[in-house]
Amino acid sequence: MEENISNLAKKGIQLMTEGGFEKASSHFDQAIIMQPSNPDLLNRKGISLRGLGRYDEAIECFNKSLQLDPRDLDAS
């Protein structure tokens, strides 16, 4: 399962760098289903949502990420 999460996250990051924010968000969603308390996944989903202009949803993801790990310096 850990490998699947890692693969989904890597693919999501790759898609974001290519501008595929919608598909990236979907990959992060799938990974979050498997590991809902992972602040990095929530943060990355927030970044993808921000790229789509879905700012309120992005803020929710960033806030959840920070709730799980208040020291999460990568939370945008």
N, C-alpha and C. Protein backbone atom coordinates (compact mmCIF):
# COMPACT_ATOMS: atom_id res chain seq x y z
N MET A 1 0.83 -1.20 0.00
CA MET A 1 0.00 0.00 0.00
C MET A 1 0.87 1.25 0.00
N GLU A 2 1.94 1.26 0.80
CA GLU A 2 2.83 2.42 0.89
C GLU A 2 3.41 2.77 -0.48
N GLU A 3 3.73 1.73 -1.25
CA GLU A 3 4.28 1.95 -2.59
C GLU A 3 3.24 2.59 -3.50
N ASN A 4 1.97 2.15 -3.38
CA ASN A 4 0.90 2.74 -4.18
C ASN A 4 0.74 4.22 -3.87
N ILE A 5 0.79 4.57 -2.59
CA ILE A 5 0.64 5.96 -2.17
C ILE A 5 1.79 6.78 -2.76
N SER A 6 2.99 6.25 -2.65
CA SER A 6 4.16 6.95 -3.18
C SER A 6 4.05 7.15 -4.69
N ASN A 7 3.61 6.13 -5.39
CA ASN A 7 3.45 6.23 -6.85
C ASN A 7 2.40 7.25 -7.23
N LEU A 8 1.28 7.26 -6.50
CA LEU A 8 0.23 8.24 -6.77
C LEU A 8 0.73 9.66 -6.52
N ALA A 9 1.47 9.84 -5.42
CA ALA A 9 2.00 11.17 -5.10
C ALA A 9 3.00 11.62 -6.16
N LYS A 10 3.89 10.73 -6.57
CA LYS A 10 4.88 11.08 -7.59
C LYS A 10 4.20 11.46 -8.90
N LYS A 11 3.20 10.68 -9.29
CA LYS A 11 2.48 10.98 -10.53
C LYS A 11 1.74 12.31 -10.41
N GLY A 12 1.15 12.56 -9.24
CA GLY A 12 0.46 13.83 -9.02
C GLY A 12 1.41 15.01 -9.13
N ILE A 13 2.60 14.87 -8.56
CA ILE A 13 3.59 15.95 -8.65
C ILE A 13 4.00 16.17 -10.11
N GLN A 14 4.22 15.08 -10.82
CA GLN A 14 4.60 15.17 -12.23
C GLN A 14 3.51 15.89 -13.03
N LEU A 15 2.27 15.50 -12.78
CA LEU A 15 1.16 16.13 -13.50
C LEU A 15 1.07 17.63 -13.21
N MET A 16 1.32 18.00 -11.95
CA MET A 16 1.28 19.43 -11.61
C MET A 16 2.36 20.20 -12.36
N THR A 17 3.56 19.63 -12.46
CA THR A 17 4.63 20.34 -13.17
C THR A 17 4.31 20.51 -14.65
N GLU A 18 3.44 19.64 -15.16
CA GLU A 18 3.01 19.72 -16.56
C GLU A 18 1.73 20.55 -16.72
N GLY A 19 1.23 21.08 -15.62
CA GLY A 19 0.01 21.88 -15.68
C GLY A 19 -1.28 21.10 -15.59
N GLY A 20 -1.19 19.80 -15.30
CA GLY A 20 -2.39 18.95 -15.21
C GLY A 20 -2.94 18.92 -13.79
N PHE A 21 -3.40 20.06 -13.32
CA PHE A 21 -3.83 20.19 -11.93
C PHE A 21 -5.05 19.34 -11.59
N GLU A 22 -5.98 19.21 -12.52
CA GLU A 22 -7.19 18.42 -12.26
C GLU A 22 -6.83 16.95 -12.07
N LYS A 23 -6.02 16.41 -12.96
CA LYS A 23 -5.61 15.01 -12.85
C LYS A 23 -4.73 14.81 -11.62
N ALA A 24 -3.87 15.79 -11.33
CA ALA A 24 -3.02 15.70 -10.14
C ALA A 24 -3.87 15.63 -8.88
N SER A 25 -4.88 16.46 -8.81
CA SER A 25 -5.77 16.48 -7.66
C SER A 25 -6.43 15.11 -7.47
N SER A 26 -6.81 14.49 -8.58
CA SER A 26 -7.42 13.16 -8.52
C SER A 26 -6.44 12.13 -7.96
N HIS A 27 -5.18 12.21 -8.37
CA HIS A 27 -4.17 11.29 -7.85
C HIS A 27 -3.98 11.49 -6.34
N PHE A 28 -3.95 12.75 -5.91
CA PHE A 28 -3.80 13.01 -4.48
C PHE A 28 -5.02 12.53 -3.71
N ASP A 29 -6.21 12.69 -4.29
CA ASP A 29 -7.42 12.17 -3.66
C ASP A 29 -7.32 10.67 -3.41
N GLN A 30 -6.86 9.94 -4.42
CA GLN A 30 -6.73 8.49 -4.28
C GLN A 30 -5.74 8.13 -3.17
N ALA A 31 -4.63 8.86 -3.11
CA ALA A 31 -3.63 8.60 -2.08
C ALA A 31 -4.17 8.95 -0.69
N ILE A 32 -4.94 10.04 -0.60
CA ILE A 32 -5.50 10.47 0.69
C ILE A 32 -6.51 9.45 1.20
N ILE A 33 -7.24 8.80 0.30
CA ILE A 33 -8.18 7.75 0.73
C ILE A 33 -7.42 6.65 1.47
N MET A 34 -6.23 6.33 0.97
CA MET A 34 -5.43 5.26 1.58
C MET A 34 -4.69 5.73 2.83
N GLN A 35 -4.39 7.04 2.90
CA GLN A 35 -3.64 7.55 4.04
C GLN A 35 -4.15 8.96 4.38
N PRO A 36 -5.34 9.04 5.00
CA PRO A 36 -5.98 10.33 5.22
C PRO A 36 -5.27 11.26 6.21
N SER A 37 -4.37 10.73 6.99
CA SER A 37 -3.70 11.59 7.98
C SER A 37 -2.28 11.97 7.54
N ASN A 38 -2.03 11.95 6.24
CA ASN A 38 -0.72 12.33 5.71
C ASN A 38 -0.75 13.82 5.34
N PRO A 39 -0.06 14.67 6.12
CA PRO A 39 -0.11 16.11 5.84
C PRO A 39 0.51 16.49 4.51
N ASP A 40 1.49 15.74 4.04
CA ASP A 40 2.12 16.06 2.76
C ASP A 40 1.16 15.87 1.60
N LEU A 41 0.36 14.80 1.66
CA LEU A 41 -0.62 14.57 0.60
C LEU A 41 -1.67 15.67 0.59
N LEU A 42 -2.12 16.06 1.77
CA LEU A 42 -3.12 17.13 1.85
C LEU A 42 -2.54 18.44 1.33
N ASN A 43 -1.29 18.71 1.66
CA ASN A 43 -0.65 19.93 1.18
C ASN A 43 -0.54 19.93 -0.34
N ARG A 44 -0.12 18.81 -0.90
CA ARG A 44 0.01 18.73 -2.35
C ARG A 44 -1.35 18.85 -3.05
N LYS A 45 -2.37 18.26 -2.44
CA LYS A 45 -3.71 18.42 -3.02
C LYS A 45 -4.10 19.89 -2.98
N GLY A 46 -3.78 20.56 -1.88
CA GLY A 46 -4.06 22.00 -1.79
C GLY A 46 -3.36 22.79 -2.89
N ILE A 47 -2.12 22.42 -3.18
CA ILE A 47 -1.38 23.11 -4.24
C ILE A 47 -2.06 22.89 -5.59
N SER A 48 -2.51 21.66 -5.82
CA SER A 48 -3.18 21.38 -7.10
C SER A 48 -4.51 22.16 -7.20
N LEU A 49 -5.23 22.24 -6.10
CA LEU A 49 -6.48 23.00 -6.11
C LEU A 49 -6.23 24.49 -6.31
N ARG A 50 -5.16 24.98 -5.71
CA ARG A 50 -4.80 26.39 -5.91
C ARG A 50 -4.50 26.64 -7.38
N GLY A 51 -3.83 25.68 -8.03
CA GLY A 51 -3.54 25.80 -9.46
C GLY A 51 -4.79 25.85 -10.31
N LEU A 52 -5.87 25.27 -9.80
CA LEU A 52 -7.16 25.30 -10.50
C LEU A 52 -7.99 26.53 -10.15
N GLY A 53 -7.47 27.36 -9.25
CA GLY A 53 -8.22 28.54 -8.82
C GLY A 53 -9.30 28.22 -7.80
N ARG A 54 -9.26 27.03 -7.22
CA ARG A 54 -10.25 26.61 -6.23
C ARG A 54 -9.68 26.91 -4.84
N TYR A 55 -9.60 28.20 -4.54
CA TYR A 55 -8.87 28.68 -3.38
C TYR A 55 -9.46 28.25 -2.04
N ASP A 56 -10.77 28.26 -1.91
CA ASP A 56 -11.39 27.86 -0.64
C ASP A 56 -11.08 26.40 -0.31
N GLU A 57 -11.17 25.55 -1.32
CA GLU A 57 -10.86 24.13 -1.11
C GLU A 57 -9.37 23.94 -0.81
N ALA A 58 -8.54 24.74 -1.47
CA ALA A 58 -7.10 24.66 -1.23
C ALA A 58 -6.79 25.05 0.21
N ILE A 59 -7.41 26.11 0.70
CA ILE A 59 -7.19 26.55 2.08
C ILE A 59 -7.61 25.46 3.06
N GLU A 60 -8.72 24.78 2.77
CA GLU A 60 -9.16 23.68 3.64
C GLU A 60 -8.08 22.59 3.72
N CYS A 61 -7.51 22.24 2.57
CA CYS A 61 -6.45 21.23 2.56
C CYS A 61 -5.22 21.70 3.34
N PHE A 62 -4.83 22.95 3.14
CA PHE A 62 -3.68 23.48 3.86
C PHE A 62 -3.93 23.49 5.36
N ASN A 63 -5.14 23.88 5.76
CA ASN A 63 -5.47 23.91 7.19
C ASN A 63 -5.47 22.50 7.80
N LYS A 64 -6.01 21.53 7.06
CA LYS A 64 -5.99 20.14 7.55
C LYS A 64 -4.55 19.66 7.70
N SER A 65 -3.72 20.00 6.72
CA SER A 65 -2.32 19.61 6.77
C SER A 65 -1.65 20.18 8.02
N LEU A 66 -1.91 21.44 8.29
CA LEU A 66 -1.32 22.09 9.46
C LEU A 66 -1.89 21.55 10.77
N GLN A 67 -3.14 21.15 10.78
CA GLN A 67 -3.73 20.54 11.98
C GLN A 67 -3.03 19.22 12.30
N LEU A 68 -2.73 18.47 11.24
CA LEU A 68 -2.06 17.17 11.44
C LEU A 68 -0.60 17.35 11.85
N ASP A 69 0.03 18.36 11.30
CA ASP A 69 1.44 18.61 11.59
C ASP A 69 1.68 20.11 11.61
N PRO A 70 1.54 20.73 12.79
CA PRO A 70 1.69 22.18 12.88
C PRO A 70 3.09 22.66 12.49
N ARG A 71 4.03 21.74 12.47
CA ARG A 71 5.39 22.12 12.08
C ARG A 71 5.63 21.88 10.60
N ASP A 72 4.59 21.58 9.86
CA ASP A 72 4.71 21.30 8.44
C ASP A 72 5.10 22.60 7.71
N LEU A 73 6.39 22.75 7.46
CA LEU A 73 6.90 23.97 6.85
C LEU A 73 6.58 24.06 5.36
N ASP A 74 6.15 22.94 4.76
CA ASP A 74 5.83 22.95 3.35
C ASP A 74 4.40 23.39 3.07
N ALA A 75 3.59 23.49 4.10
CA ALA A 75 2.20 23.90 3.88
C ALA A 75 2.19 25.29 3.29
N SER A 76 1.58 25.41 2.14
CA SER A 76 1.62 26.69 1.41
C SER A 76 0.60 27.64 1.97
